[in-house]
């Protein structure tokens, strides 16, 4: 951030009212040679390595947060009485079981010979495991947000009484969870991208036809 030139960070306000993503503008900025990661010309490879970890084994830590969120949804289901609905109970059990599957899948990926390359980055040798992991947790997290709204009932759609259009609004934990998870199947590589990676690199299917530039 302190390199020569101007770097401007513009927060992007989300539906949740928070700004966890930003636009970053580089105006005449030049990185020092000592700060180049992975060698000149290898930026794409380094970026894909980082994304491989984000989509795959790093979710072992992420899953701790997932478990806490699931516990919160269960507490709300008990408090609201929704847990008495057999359909809700089935959805809660499914969320728990799928979270365990995601953990085992991440551990298997971490233990695979190609999970980490010589440079310390996630490599293509791990096949489509990171993409499978991203597909699993993205949709799982979205379903958890939807379930969080279901166990609260109609009141889940109501905002704070003192909400004003010209001021930030406060949401409760389950409302933030629901709104944030709408992006889970987009950031870190959309579901469509993950399916293409699995199709081409794992199943060996022909690459998707690309139109004229």
N, C-alpha and C. Protein backbone atom coordinates (compact mmCIF):
# COMPACT_ATOMS: atom_id res chain seq x y z
N UNK A 1 0.81 -1.22 0.00
CA UNK A 1 0.00 0.00 0.00
C UNK A 1 0.85 1.27 0.00
N UNK A 2 2.13 1.15 0.38
CA UNK A 2 2.97 2.35 0.46
C UNK A 2 3.96 2.46 -0.70
N UNK A 3 3.72 1.69 -1.78
CA UNK A 3 4.62 1.75 -2.92
C UNK A 3 4.41 3.06 -3.68
N UNK A 4 5.37 3.44 -4.52
CA UNK A 4 5.23 4.68 -5.30
C UNK A 4 3.95 4.66 -6.13
N UNK A 5 3.35 5.81 -6.29
CA UNK A 5 2.08 5.91 -7.01
C UNK A 5 0.93 6.03 -6.03
N UNK A 6 -0.26 5.95 -6.57
CA UNK A 6 -1.47 6.13 -5.75
C UNK A 6 -2.31 4.87 -5.79
N UNK A 7 -2.68 4.39 -4.61
CA UNK A 7 -3.55 3.23 -4.50
C UNK A 7 -4.81 3.66 -3.76
N UNK A 8 -5.95 3.51 -4.42
CA UNK A 8 -7.22 3.93 -3.83
C UNK A 8 -8.11 2.71 -3.60
N UNK A 9 -8.63 2.60 -2.38
CA UNK A 9 -9.51 1.49 -2.01
C UNK A 9 -10.91 2.04 -1.78
N UNK A 10 -11.86 1.54 -2.54
CA UNK A 10 -13.24 1.99 -2.42
C UNK A 10 -14.11 0.83 -1.92
N UNK A 11 -14.57 0.89 -0.68
CA UNK A 11 -15.41 -0.18 -0.15
C UNK A 11 -16.70 -0.34 -0.95
N UNK A 12 -17.14 -1.57 -1.12
CA UNK A 12 -18.39 -1.88 -1.80
C UNK A 12 -19.42 -2.28 -0.75
N UNK A 13 -20.45 -1.48 -0.60
CA UNK A 13 -21.46 -1.78 0.40
C UNK A 13 -22.35 -2.91 -0.09
N UNK A 14 -22.53 -3.90 0.74
CA UNK A 14 -23.31 -5.09 0.38
C UNK A 14 -24.74 -4.99 0.92
N UNK A 15 -25.55 -5.98 0.58
CA UNK A 15 -26.93 -6.02 1.07
C UNK A 15 -26.98 -6.08 2.58
N UNK A 16 -25.94 -6.65 3.20
CA UNK A 16 -25.90 -6.78 4.65
C UNK A 16 -25.64 -5.45 5.34
N UNK A 17 -25.26 -4.43 4.56
CA UNK A 17 -24.90 -3.14 5.13
C UNK A 17 -23.43 -3.01 5.44
N UNK A 18 -22.68 -4.11 5.33
CA UNK A 18 -21.24 -4.11 5.59
C UNK A 18 -20.47 -3.97 4.29
N UNK A 19 -19.16 -3.79 4.41
CA UNK A 19 -18.29 -3.66 3.23
C UNK A 19 -17.11 -4.60 3.38
N UNK A 20 -17.29 -5.84 2.99
CA UNK A 20 -16.23 -6.84 3.11
C UNK A 20 -15.45 -6.99 1.81
N UNK A 21 -15.88 -6.32 0.76
CA UNK A 21 -15.19 -6.36 -0.52
C UNK A 21 -14.90 -4.92 -0.95
N UNK A 22 -13.88 -4.76 -1.76
CA UNK A 22 -13.48 -3.42 -2.19
C UNK A 22 -13.11 -3.39 -3.66
N UNK A 23 -13.22 -2.22 -4.24
CA UNK A 23 -12.57 -1.93 -5.52
C UNK A 23 -11.21 -1.33 -5.19
N UNK A 24 -10.17 -1.78 -5.87
CA UNK A 24 -8.83 -1.23 -5.63
C UNK A 24 -8.29 -0.68 -6.95
N UNK A 25 -7.90 0.60 -6.94
CA UNK A 25 -7.41 1.27 -8.13
C UNK A 25 -5.92 1.59 -7.95
N UNK A 26 -5.12 1.21 -8.95
CA UNK A 26 -3.68 1.49 -8.94
C UNK A 26 -3.39 2.57 -9.98
N UNK A 27 -2.92 3.71 -9.53
CA UNK A 27 -2.64 4.83 -10.42
C UNK A 27 -1.14 5.12 -10.38
N UNK A 28 -0.42 4.66 -11.42
CA UNK A 28 1.02 4.86 -11.48
C UNK A 28 1.79 4.09 -10.42
N UNK A 29 1.18 3.07 -9.83
CA UNK A 29 1.85 2.30 -8.77
C UNK A 29 2.79 1.26 -9.39
N UNK A 30 3.96 1.10 -8.76
CA UNK A 30 4.93 0.12 -9.23
C UNK A 30 5.43 -0.69 -8.05
N UNK A 31 5.33 -2.00 -8.16
CA UNK A 31 5.77 -2.87 -7.08
C UNK A 31 7.30 -3.01 -7.12
N UNK A 32 7.90 -3.11 -5.94
CA UNK A 32 9.33 -3.36 -5.86
C UNK A 32 9.63 -4.78 -6.31
N UNK A 33 10.79 -4.98 -6.92
CA UNK A 33 11.16 -6.31 -7.41
C UNK A 33 11.14 -7.34 -6.29
N UNK A 34 11.54 -6.92 -5.09
CA UNK A 34 11.59 -7.85 -3.97
C UNK A 34 10.19 -8.30 -3.51
N UNK A 35 9.15 -7.60 -3.95
CA UNK A 35 7.80 -7.93 -3.54
C UNK A 35 7.08 -8.82 -4.55
N UNK A 36 7.74 -9.18 -5.64
CA UNK A 36 7.12 -10.04 -6.64
C UNK A 36 7.03 -11.46 -6.08
N UNK A 37 5.85 -12.05 -6.14
CA UNK A 37 5.63 -13.40 -5.61
C UNK A 37 5.56 -14.40 -6.77
N UNK A 38 6.36 -15.43 -6.71
CA UNK A 38 6.29 -16.49 -7.71
C UNK A 38 7.03 -16.20 -8.99
N UNK A 39 7.70 -15.04 -9.09
CA UNK A 39 8.45 -14.73 -10.30
C UNK A 39 7.64 -13.92 -11.29
N UNK A 40 8.32 -13.09 -12.06
CA UNK A 40 7.66 -12.26 -13.07
C UNK A 40 6.99 -13.14 -14.11
N UNK A 41 5.77 -12.80 -14.46
CA UNK A 41 5.04 -13.56 -15.46
C UNK A 41 4.25 -14.73 -14.91
N UNK A 42 4.35 -14.98 -13.61
CA UNK A 42 3.64 -16.12 -13.01
C UNK A 42 2.47 -15.69 -12.14
N UNK A 43 1.99 -14.47 -12.33
CA UNK A 43 0.91 -13.97 -11.50
C UNK A 43 -0.34 -14.82 -11.56
N UNK A 44 -0.69 -15.28 -12.76
CA UNK A 44 -1.91 -16.09 -12.91
C UNK A 44 -1.77 -17.41 -12.16
N UNK A 45 -0.59 -18.01 -12.25
CA UNK A 45 -0.35 -19.29 -11.56
C UNK A 45 -0.46 -19.11 -10.04
N UNK A 46 0.12 -18.02 -9.53
CA UNK A 46 0.04 -17.74 -8.10
C UNK A 46 -1.41 -17.50 -7.68
N UNK A 47 -2.14 -16.74 -8.48
CA UNK A 47 -3.55 -16.45 -8.16
C UNK A 47 -4.38 -17.72 -8.13
N UNK A 48 -4.13 -18.62 -9.09
CA UNK A 48 -4.87 -19.88 -9.11
C UNK A 48 -4.50 -20.75 -7.92
N UNK A 49 -3.23 -20.69 -7.50
CA UNK A 49 -2.82 -21.43 -6.32
C UNK A 49 -3.54 -20.95 -5.08
N UNK A 50 -3.64 -19.63 -4.95
CA UNK A 50 -4.35 -19.06 -3.80
C UNK A 50 -5.83 -19.45 -3.82
N UNK A 51 -6.43 -19.39 -5.00
CA UNK A 51 -7.83 -19.76 -5.11
C UNK A 51 -8.03 -21.24 -4.81
N UNK A 52 -7.04 -22.07 -5.18
CA UNK A 52 -7.13 -23.49 -4.88
C UNK A 52 -7.24 -23.73 -3.38
N UNK A 53 -6.43 -22.99 -2.61
CA UNK A 53 -6.51 -23.11 -1.16
C UNK A 53 -7.82 -22.55 -0.63
N UNK A 54 -8.25 -21.40 -1.18
CA UNK A 54 -9.49 -20.79 -0.70
C UNK A 54 -10.67 -21.72 -0.92
N UNK A 55 -10.67 -22.40 -2.05
CA UNK A 55 -11.80 -23.27 -2.37
C UNK A 55 -11.71 -24.61 -1.66
N UNK A 56 -10.50 -25.03 -1.31
CA UNK A 56 -10.30 -26.38 -0.80
C UNK A 56 -9.95 -26.47 0.66
N UNK A 57 -8.65 -26.74 0.96
CA UNK A 57 -8.27 -27.11 2.32
C UNK A 57 -8.46 -25.99 3.32
N UNK A 58 -8.45 -24.73 2.90
CA UNK A 58 -8.64 -23.64 3.86
C UNK A 58 -10.02 -23.67 4.48
N UNK A 59 -10.95 -24.43 3.86
CA UNK A 59 -12.30 -24.49 4.42
C UNK A 59 -12.32 -25.27 5.73
N UNK A 60 -11.23 -25.96 6.08
CA UNK A 60 -11.20 -26.62 7.39
C UNK A 60 -11.36 -25.58 8.50
N UNK A 61 -10.72 -24.43 8.33
CA UNK A 61 -10.89 -23.34 9.30
C UNK A 61 -12.26 -22.71 9.13
N UNK A 62 -12.65 -22.51 7.89
CA UNK A 62 -13.95 -21.90 7.60
C UNK A 62 -15.09 -22.71 8.20
N UNK A 63 -14.91 -24.03 8.24
CA UNK A 63 -15.97 -24.91 8.74
C UNK A 63 -16.22 -24.75 10.23
N UNK A 64 -15.24 -24.20 10.96
CA UNK A 64 -15.48 -23.89 12.38
C UNK A 64 -16.57 -22.83 12.48
N UNK A 65 -16.46 -21.81 11.62
CA UNK A 65 -17.51 -20.78 11.57
C UNK A 65 -18.84 -21.35 11.11
N UNK A 66 -18.78 -22.26 10.12
CA UNK A 66 -20.02 -22.89 9.63
C UNK A 66 -20.72 -23.62 10.77
N UNK A 67 -19.93 -24.36 11.58
CA UNK A 67 -20.51 -25.12 12.68
C UNK A 67 -21.17 -24.20 13.70
N UNK A 68 -20.55 -23.05 13.96
CA UNK A 68 -21.13 -22.08 14.90
C UNK A 68 -22.43 -21.51 14.35
N UNK A 69 -22.44 -21.24 13.04
CA UNK A 69 -23.66 -20.71 12.42
C UNK A 69 -24.77 -21.75 12.46
N UNK A 70 -24.44 -23.01 12.18
CA UNK A 70 -25.43 -24.07 12.24
C UNK A 70 -25.99 -24.20 13.66
N UNK A 71 -25.12 -24.10 14.66
CA UNK A 71 -25.58 -24.17 16.05
C UNK A 71 -26.54 -23.03 16.35
N UNK A 72 -26.28 -21.85 15.79
CA UNK A 72 -27.18 -20.72 15.98
C UNK A 72 -28.54 -20.96 15.36
N UNK A 73 -28.55 -21.57 14.18
CA UNK A 73 -29.82 -21.89 13.53
C UNK A 73 -30.60 -22.92 14.35
N UNK A 74 -29.89 -23.91 14.89
CA UNK A 74 -30.54 -24.92 15.73
C UNK A 74 -31.15 -24.27 16.97
N UNK A 75 -30.39 -23.36 17.61
CA UNK A 75 -30.92 -22.68 18.80
C UNK A 75 -32.18 -21.89 18.45
N UNK A 76 -32.17 -21.22 17.30
CA UNK A 76 -33.35 -20.45 16.88
C UNK A 76 -34.53 -21.37 16.60
N UNK A 77 -34.26 -22.54 16.01
CA UNK A 77 -35.32 -23.50 15.72
C UNK A 77 -35.97 -23.99 17.00
N UNK A 78 -35.15 -24.21 18.03
CA UNK A 78 -35.68 -24.64 19.32
C UNK A 78 -36.48 -23.51 19.97
N UNK A 79 -35.94 -22.30 19.92
CA UNK A 79 -36.60 -21.16 20.56
C UNK A 79 -37.94 -20.83 19.92
N UNK A 80 -38.01 -20.97 18.60
CA UNK A 80 -39.25 -20.62 17.88
C UNK A 80 -40.25 -21.77 17.83
N UNK A 81 -39.80 -22.97 18.21
CA UNK A 81 -40.67 -24.13 18.13
C UNK A 81 -40.66 -24.79 16.77
N UNK A 82 -39.90 -24.22 15.82
CA UNK A 82 -39.85 -24.79 14.47
C UNK A 82 -39.25 -26.18 14.46
N UNK A 83 -38.47 -26.51 15.49
CA UNK A 83 -37.83 -27.82 15.54
C UNK A 83 -38.87 -28.94 15.66
N UNK A 84 -40.10 -28.59 16.04
CA UNK A 84 -41.15 -29.57 16.12
C UNK A 84 -41.67 -30.02 14.76
N UNK A 85 -41.31 -29.27 13.72
CA UNK A 85 -41.71 -29.62 12.35
C UNK A 85 -40.75 -30.69 11.83
N UNK A 86 -41.24 -31.87 11.45
CA UNK A 86 -40.34 -32.93 10.98
C UNK A 86 -39.54 -32.55 9.74
N UNK A 87 -40.10 -31.69 8.90
CA UNK A 87 -39.37 -31.24 7.71
C UNK A 87 -38.17 -30.39 8.12
N UNK A 88 -38.38 -29.50 9.09
CA UNK A 88 -37.29 -28.66 9.58
C UNK A 88 -36.22 -29.52 10.24
N UNK A 89 -36.64 -30.49 11.04
CA UNK A 89 -35.67 -31.38 11.69
C UNK A 89 -34.84 -32.13 10.65
N UNK A 90 -35.49 -32.57 9.59
CA UNK A 90 -34.77 -33.27 8.53
C UNK A 90 -33.75 -32.35 7.88
N UNK A 91 -34.11 -31.09 7.63
CA UNK A 91 -33.18 -30.14 7.01
C UNK A 91 -32.00 -29.84 7.94
N UNK A 92 -32.26 -29.74 9.24
CA UNK A 92 -31.18 -29.51 10.20
C UNK A 92 -30.20 -30.67 10.22
N UNK A 93 -30.73 -31.88 10.22
CA UNK A 93 -29.86 -33.07 10.23
C UNK A 93 -29.05 -33.15 8.95
N UNK A 94 -29.67 -32.83 7.83
CA UNK A 94 -28.96 -32.85 6.55
C UNK A 94 -27.81 -31.84 6.55
N UNK A 95 -28.07 -30.65 7.09
CA UNK A 95 -27.01 -29.64 7.16
C UNK A 95 -25.84 -30.14 7.99
N UNK A 96 -26.13 -30.78 9.12
CA UNK A 96 -25.08 -31.32 9.99
C UNK A 96 -24.29 -32.41 9.26
N UNK A 97 -25.02 -33.34 8.62
CA UNK A 97 -24.35 -34.45 7.94
C UNK A 97 -23.49 -33.95 6.78
N UNK A 98 -23.98 -32.99 6.02
CA UNK A 98 -23.23 -32.47 4.88
C UNK A 98 -21.99 -31.71 5.35
N UNK A 99 -22.08 -31.04 6.50
CA UNK A 99 -20.90 -30.36 7.04
C UNK A 99 -19.81 -31.36 7.39
N UNK A 100 -20.19 -32.52 7.91
CA UNK A 100 -19.20 -33.56 8.21
C UNK A 100 -18.57 -34.07 6.91
N UNK A 101 -19.38 -34.24 5.88
CA UNK A 101 -18.85 -34.70 4.59
C UNK A 101 -17.83 -33.70 4.04
N UNK A 102 -18.14 -32.40 4.17
CA UNK A 102 -17.21 -31.38 3.69
C UNK A 102 -15.89 -31.44 4.44
N UNK A 103 -15.95 -31.70 5.74
CA UNK A 103 -14.72 -31.81 6.53
C UNK A 103 -13.88 -32.99 6.04
N UNK A 104 -14.51 -34.14 5.86
CA UNK A 104 -13.78 -35.32 5.40
C UNK A 104 -13.20 -35.08 4.00
N UNK A 105 -13.95 -34.41 3.15
CA UNK A 105 -13.45 -34.12 1.80
C UNK A 105 -12.24 -33.20 1.85
N UNK A 106 -12.27 -32.18 2.73
CA UNK A 106 -11.15 -31.26 2.86
C UNK A 106 -9.92 -31.97 3.42
N UNK A 107 -10.12 -32.86 4.38
CA UNK A 107 -9.00 -33.62 4.95
C UNK A 107 -8.38 -34.54 3.90
N UNK A 108 -9.23 -35.15 3.09
CA UNK A 108 -8.73 -36.02 2.03
C UNK A 108 -7.92 -35.23 1.01
N UNK A 109 -8.40 -34.04 0.68
CA UNK A 109 -7.67 -33.19 -0.25
C UNK A 109 -6.32 -32.78 0.33
N UNK A 110 -6.32 -32.41 1.62
CA UNK A 110 -5.09 -31.99 2.28
C UNK A 110 -4.06 -33.12 2.30
N UNK A 111 -4.54 -34.34 2.42
CA UNK A 111 -3.62 -35.48 2.49
C UNK A 111 -3.23 -36.05 1.15
N UNK A 112 -3.77 -35.51 0.05
CA UNK A 112 -3.44 -36.05 -1.26
C UNK A 112 -2.05 -35.58 -1.69
N UNK A 113 -1.29 -36.41 -2.42
CA UNK A 113 0.09 -36.06 -2.82
C UNK A 113 0.18 -34.77 -3.60
N UNK A 114 -0.83 -34.42 -4.38
CA UNK A 114 -0.75 -33.23 -5.23
C UNK A 114 -1.38 -32.00 -4.61
N UNK A 115 -1.77 -32.09 -3.33
CA UNK A 115 -2.47 -30.97 -2.72
C UNK A 115 -1.59 -29.74 -2.61
N UNK A 116 -0.30 -29.93 -2.30
CA UNK A 116 0.61 -28.81 -2.15
C UNK A 116 1.85 -29.08 -2.99
N UNK A 117 2.19 -28.14 -3.85
CA UNK A 117 3.34 -28.31 -4.72
C UNK A 117 4.63 -27.85 -4.07
N UNK A 118 5.71 -27.93 -4.81
CA UNK A 118 7.02 -27.57 -4.26
C UNK A 118 7.09 -26.12 -3.87
N UNK A 119 6.33 -25.26 -4.54
CA UNK A 119 6.37 -23.84 -4.23
C UNK A 119 5.47 -23.46 -3.08
N UNK A 120 4.73 -24.47 -2.53
CA UNK A 120 3.85 -24.20 -1.41
C UNK A 120 2.45 -23.81 -1.81
N UNK A 121 2.16 -23.78 -3.11
CA UNK A 121 0.84 -23.41 -3.57
C UNK A 121 0.05 -24.61 -4.01
N UNK A 122 -1.27 -24.48 -4.01
CA UNK A 122 -2.12 -25.56 -4.48
C UNK A 122 -1.91 -25.73 -5.98
N UNK A 123 -1.70 -26.94 -6.41
CA UNK A 123 -1.36 -27.21 -7.80
C UNK A 123 -2.49 -27.95 -8.51
N UNK A 124 -2.36 -27.99 -9.82
CA UNK A 124 -3.35 -28.70 -10.63
C UNK A 124 -3.33 -30.19 -10.40
N UNK A 125 -2.25 -30.73 -9.75
CA UNK A 125 -2.16 -32.16 -9.52
C UNK A 125 -3.29 -32.68 -8.65
N UNK A 126 -3.87 -31.78 -7.84
CA UNK A 126 -4.94 -32.20 -6.94
C UNK A 126 -6.26 -32.40 -7.69
N UNK A 127 -6.21 -32.26 -9.02
CA UNK A 127 -7.40 -32.48 -9.82
C UNK A 127 -8.47 -31.45 -9.53
N UNK A 128 -9.70 -31.89 -9.49
CA UNK A 128 -10.80 -30.97 -9.27
C UNK A 128 -11.25 -30.89 -7.84
N UNK A 129 -10.45 -31.42 -6.89
CA UNK A 129 -10.87 -31.44 -5.49
C UNK A 129 -11.23 -30.06 -4.95
N UNK A 130 -10.41 -29.01 -5.19
CA UNK A 130 -10.81 -27.69 -4.70
C UNK A 130 -12.13 -27.20 -5.30
N UNK A 131 -12.36 -27.52 -6.58
CA UNK A 131 -13.61 -27.10 -7.21
C UNK A 131 -14.80 -27.86 -6.64
N UNK A 132 -14.60 -29.15 -6.35
CA UNK A 132 -15.67 -29.92 -5.71
C UNK A 132 -15.99 -29.33 -4.34
N UNK A 133 -14.93 -28.97 -3.59
CA UNK A 133 -15.13 -28.39 -2.27
C UNK A 133 -15.91 -27.08 -2.36
N UNK A 134 -15.57 -26.25 -3.35
CA UNK A 134 -16.26 -24.96 -3.51
C UNK A 134 -17.74 -25.17 -3.82
N UNK A 135 -18.03 -26.12 -4.69
CA UNK A 135 -19.42 -26.42 -5.01
C UNK A 135 -20.18 -26.89 -3.77
N UNK A 136 -19.52 -27.72 -2.96
CA UNK A 136 -20.16 -28.26 -1.77
C UNK A 136 -20.49 -27.17 -0.76
N UNK A 137 -19.45 -26.37 -0.39
CA UNK A 137 -19.71 -25.42 0.69
C UNK A 137 -20.51 -24.20 0.25
N UNK A 138 -20.40 -23.83 -1.03
CA UNK A 138 -21.16 -22.68 -1.50
C UNK A 138 -22.67 -22.91 -1.38
N UNK A 139 -23.13 -24.02 -1.92
CA UNK A 139 -24.56 -24.31 -1.86
C UNK A 139 -25.00 -24.68 -0.45
N UNK A 140 -24.12 -25.37 0.31
CA UNK A 140 -24.46 -25.71 1.70
C UNK A 140 -24.72 -24.45 2.51
N UNK A 141 -23.84 -23.47 2.36
CA UNK A 141 -23.96 -22.24 3.14
C UNK A 141 -25.22 -21.48 2.73
N UNK A 142 -25.54 -21.49 1.45
CA UNK A 142 -26.77 -20.83 1.01
C UNK A 142 -27.99 -21.50 1.62
N UNK A 143 -28.01 -22.83 1.63
CA UNK A 143 -29.14 -23.55 2.23
C UNK A 143 -29.25 -23.26 3.72
N UNK A 144 -28.09 -23.09 4.38
CA UNK A 144 -28.12 -22.76 5.81
C UNK A 144 -28.77 -21.40 6.03
N UNK A 145 -28.43 -20.42 5.19
CA UNK A 145 -29.05 -19.10 5.29
C UNK A 145 -30.55 -19.18 5.08
N UNK A 146 -30.97 -19.96 4.11
CA UNK A 146 -32.40 -20.12 3.84
C UNK A 146 -33.11 -20.80 5.01
N UNK A 147 -32.42 -21.79 5.61
CA UNK A 147 -33.00 -22.48 6.75
C UNK A 147 -33.10 -21.55 7.96
N UNK A 148 -32.10 -20.67 8.10
CA UNK A 148 -32.14 -19.70 9.19
C UNK A 148 -33.37 -18.80 9.09
N UNK A 149 -33.76 -18.43 7.89
CA UNK A 149 -34.96 -17.63 7.70
C UNK A 149 -36.22 -18.46 7.96
N UNK A 150 -36.18 -19.71 7.55
CA UNK A 150 -37.36 -20.57 7.71
C UNK A 150 -37.69 -20.81 9.18
N UNK A 151 -36.68 -21.01 10.02
CA UNK A 151 -36.96 -21.32 11.42
C UNK A 151 -37.43 -20.08 12.18
N UNK A 152 -37.16 -18.89 11.67
CA UNK A 152 -37.63 -17.67 12.32
C UNK A 152 -39.05 -17.32 11.92
N UNK A 153 -39.47 -17.80 10.76
CA UNK A 153 -40.82 -17.50 10.32
C UNK A 153 -40.92 -16.14 9.67
N UNK A 154 -42.14 -15.59 9.62
CA UNK A 154 -42.41 -14.34 8.90
C UNK A 154 -41.61 -13.17 9.45
N UNK A 155 -41.30 -13.19 10.76
CA UNK A 155 -40.58 -12.07 11.36
C UNK A 155 -39.18 -11.90 10.77
N UNK A 156 -38.67 -12.94 10.10
CA UNK A 156 -37.34 -12.86 9.50
C UNK A 156 -37.26 -11.80 8.41
N UNK A 157 -38.41 -11.47 7.82
CA UNK A 157 -38.43 -10.48 6.73
C UNK A 157 -38.56 -9.06 7.24
N UNK A 158 -38.64 -8.87 8.56
CA UNK A 158 -38.85 -7.55 9.14
C UNK A 158 -37.52 -6.97 9.60
N UNK A 159 -37.26 -5.73 9.19
CA UNK A 159 -36.05 -5.05 9.62
C UNK A 159 -36.26 -4.32 10.93
N UNK A 160 -35.23 -3.62 11.40
CA UNK A 160 -35.37 -2.87 12.65
C UNK A 160 -36.41 -1.77 12.54
N UNK A 161 -37.05 -1.46 13.67
CA UNK A 161 -38.15 -0.48 13.65
C UNK A 161 -37.67 0.92 13.31
N UNK A 162 -36.40 1.23 13.62
CA UNK A 162 -35.91 2.59 13.39
C UNK A 162 -35.10 2.71 12.10
N UNK A 163 -35.31 1.76 11.17
CA UNK A 163 -34.55 1.78 9.92
C UNK A 163 -34.87 3.02 9.11
N UNK A 164 -33.82 3.65 8.56
CA UNK A 164 -34.00 4.80 7.67
C UNK A 164 -33.20 4.56 6.40
N UNK A 165 -33.74 5.00 5.30
CA UNK A 165 -33.10 4.76 4.00
C UNK A 165 -31.76 5.45 3.88
N UNK A 166 -31.55 6.53 4.65
CA UNK A 166 -30.31 7.30 4.53
C UNK A 166 -29.28 6.91 5.58
N UNK A 167 -29.50 5.82 6.30
CA UNK A 167 -28.58 5.43 7.36
C UNK A 167 -28.33 3.92 7.31
N UNK A 168 -27.16 3.48 7.80
CA UNK A 168 -26.90 2.03 7.85
C UNK A 168 -27.95 1.34 8.71
N UNK A 169 -28.31 0.14 8.35
CA UNK A 169 -29.32 -0.57 9.12
C UNK A 169 -28.68 -1.79 9.77
N UNK A 170 -29.21 -2.15 10.92
CA UNK A 170 -28.69 -3.28 11.67
C UNK A 170 -29.56 -4.51 11.40
N UNK A 171 -28.90 -5.61 11.10
CA UNK A 171 -29.59 -6.88 10.91
C UNK A 171 -29.17 -7.83 12.02
N UNK A 172 -30.02 -8.81 12.32
CA UNK A 172 -29.58 -9.81 13.29
C UNK A 172 -28.70 -10.83 12.59
N UNK A 173 -28.13 -11.74 13.36
CA UNK A 173 -27.14 -12.68 12.82
C UNK A 173 -27.69 -13.54 11.69
N UNK A 174 -28.91 -14.01 11.82
CA UNK A 174 -29.48 -14.88 10.80
C UNK A 174 -29.85 -14.11 9.54
N UNK A 175 -30.28 -12.87 9.68
CA UNK A 175 -30.55 -12.05 8.50
C UNK A 175 -29.27 -11.75 7.73
N UNK A 176 -28.19 -11.44 8.46
CA UNK A 176 -26.90 -11.21 7.80
C UNK A 176 -26.41 -12.47 7.11
N UNK A 177 -26.59 -13.61 7.79
CA UNK A 177 -26.18 -14.88 7.21
C UNK A 177 -26.90 -15.12 5.89
N UNK A 178 -28.22 -14.93 5.89
CA UNK A 178 -28.99 -15.17 4.67
C UNK A 178 -28.55 -14.27 3.53
N UNK A 179 -28.43 -12.96 3.80
CA UNK A 179 -28.09 -12.03 2.73
C UNK A 179 -26.67 -12.25 2.23
N UNK A 180 -25.72 -12.52 3.14
CA UNK A 180 -24.35 -12.72 2.70
C UNK A 180 -24.21 -13.98 1.84
N UNK A 181 -24.93 -15.04 2.20
CA UNK A 181 -24.77 -16.31 1.49
C UNK A 181 -25.30 -16.26 0.06
N UNK A 182 -26.01 -15.19 -0.30
CA UNK A 182 -26.45 -15.09 -1.70
C UNK A 182 -25.24 -15.03 -2.63
N UNK A 183 -24.09 -14.58 -2.11
CA UNK A 183 -22.90 -14.43 -2.95
C UNK A 183 -22.02 -15.67 -2.94
N UNK A 184 -22.34 -16.67 -2.12
CA UNK A 184 -21.45 -17.82 -1.96
C UNK A 184 -21.19 -18.59 -3.25
N UNK A 185 -22.15 -18.61 -4.15
CA UNK A 185 -21.97 -19.36 -5.39
C UNK A 185 -21.38 -18.50 -6.50
N UNK A 186 -20.92 -17.29 -6.13
CA UNK A 186 -20.33 -16.38 -7.11
C UNK A 186 -18.87 -16.09 -6.79
N UNK A 187 -18.58 -15.61 -5.56
CA UNK A 187 -17.20 -15.22 -5.25
C UNK A 187 -16.31 -16.46 -5.11
N UNK A 188 -15.02 -16.27 -5.33
CA UNK A 188 -14.08 -17.39 -5.27
C UNK A 188 -14.20 -18.30 -6.48
N UNK A 189 -14.93 -17.86 -7.49
CA UNK A 189 -15.16 -18.69 -8.67
C UNK A 189 -16.59 -19.20 -8.65
N UNK A 190 -17.39 -18.79 -9.60
CA UNK A 190 -18.80 -19.16 -9.61
C UNK A 190 -18.98 -20.67 -9.79
N UNK A 191 -20.17 -21.15 -9.46
CA UNK A 191 -20.47 -22.57 -9.64
C UNK A 191 -20.26 -23.01 -11.08
N UNK A 192 -20.60 -22.12 -12.02
CA UNK A 192 -20.43 -22.48 -13.44
C UNK A 192 -18.95 -22.71 -13.77
N UNK A 193 -18.09 -21.85 -13.22
CA UNK A 193 -16.65 -22.01 -13.45
C UNK A 193 -16.16 -23.31 -12.83
N UNK A 194 -16.60 -23.62 -11.61
CA UNK A 194 -16.16 -24.86 -10.95
C UNK A 194 -16.57 -26.09 -11.75
N UNK A 195 -17.77 -26.06 -12.29
CA UNK A 195 -18.24 -27.22 -13.07
C UNK A 195 -17.44 -27.37 -14.35
N UNK A 196 -17.06 -26.24 -14.97
CA UNK A 196 -16.22 -26.31 -16.16
C UNK A 196 -14.86 -26.91 -15.83
N UNK A 197 -14.27 -26.50 -14.70
CA UNK A 197 -12.96 -27.03 -14.29
C UNK A 197 -13.05 -28.54 -14.09
N UNK A 198 -14.08 -29.00 -13.41
CA UNK A 198 -14.25 -30.43 -13.17
C UNK A 198 -14.45 -31.18 -14.48
N UNK A 199 -15.27 -30.61 -15.36
CA UNK A 199 -15.54 -31.26 -16.64
C UNK A 199 -14.28 -31.40 -17.49
N UNK A 200 -13.48 -30.32 -17.54
CA UNK A 200 -12.33 -30.31 -18.45
C UNK A 200 -11.11 -30.99 -17.84
N UNK A 201 -10.81 -30.72 -16.56
CA UNK A 201 -9.57 -31.20 -15.97
C UNK A 201 -9.68 -32.55 -15.28
N UNK A 202 -10.88 -32.94 -14.89
CA UNK A 202 -11.07 -34.22 -14.21
C UNK A 202 -11.71 -35.25 -15.13
N UNK A 203 -12.81 -34.86 -15.76
CA UNK A 203 -13.53 -35.80 -16.62
C UNK A 203 -12.99 -35.85 -18.04
N UNK A 204 -12.13 -34.88 -18.39
CA UNK A 204 -11.52 -34.88 -19.72
C UNK A 204 -12.48 -34.53 -20.84
N UNK A 205 -13.54 -33.82 -20.53
CA UNK A 205 -14.49 -33.42 -21.57
C UNK A 205 -13.93 -32.29 -22.40
N UNK A 206 -14.42 -32.11 -23.62
CA UNK A 206 -13.90 -31.02 -24.47
C UNK A 206 -14.13 -29.66 -23.83
N UNK A 207 -13.21 -28.74 -24.08
CA UNK A 207 -13.38 -27.40 -23.56
C UNK A 207 -14.62 -26.74 -24.14
N UNK A 208 -15.21 -25.88 -23.35
CA UNK A 208 -16.39 -25.16 -23.81
C UNK A 208 -16.02 -24.28 -24.98
N UNK A 209 -16.87 -24.30 -26.02
CA UNK A 209 -16.61 -23.49 -27.21
C UNK A 209 -16.64 -22.01 -26.86
N UNK A 210 -15.66 -21.28 -27.36
CA UNK A 210 -15.58 -19.84 -27.08
C UNK A 210 -15.90 -19.08 -28.37
N UNK A 211 -16.69 -18.05 -28.24
CA UNK A 211 -17.10 -17.26 -29.38
C UNK A 211 -15.99 -16.35 -29.85
N UNK A 212 -16.17 -15.68 -30.98
CA UNK A 212 -15.16 -14.78 -31.51
C UNK A 212 -14.95 -13.60 -30.57
N UNK A 213 -13.71 -13.12 -30.47
CA UNK A 213 -13.39 -11.98 -29.63
C UNK A 213 -13.68 -10.67 -30.37
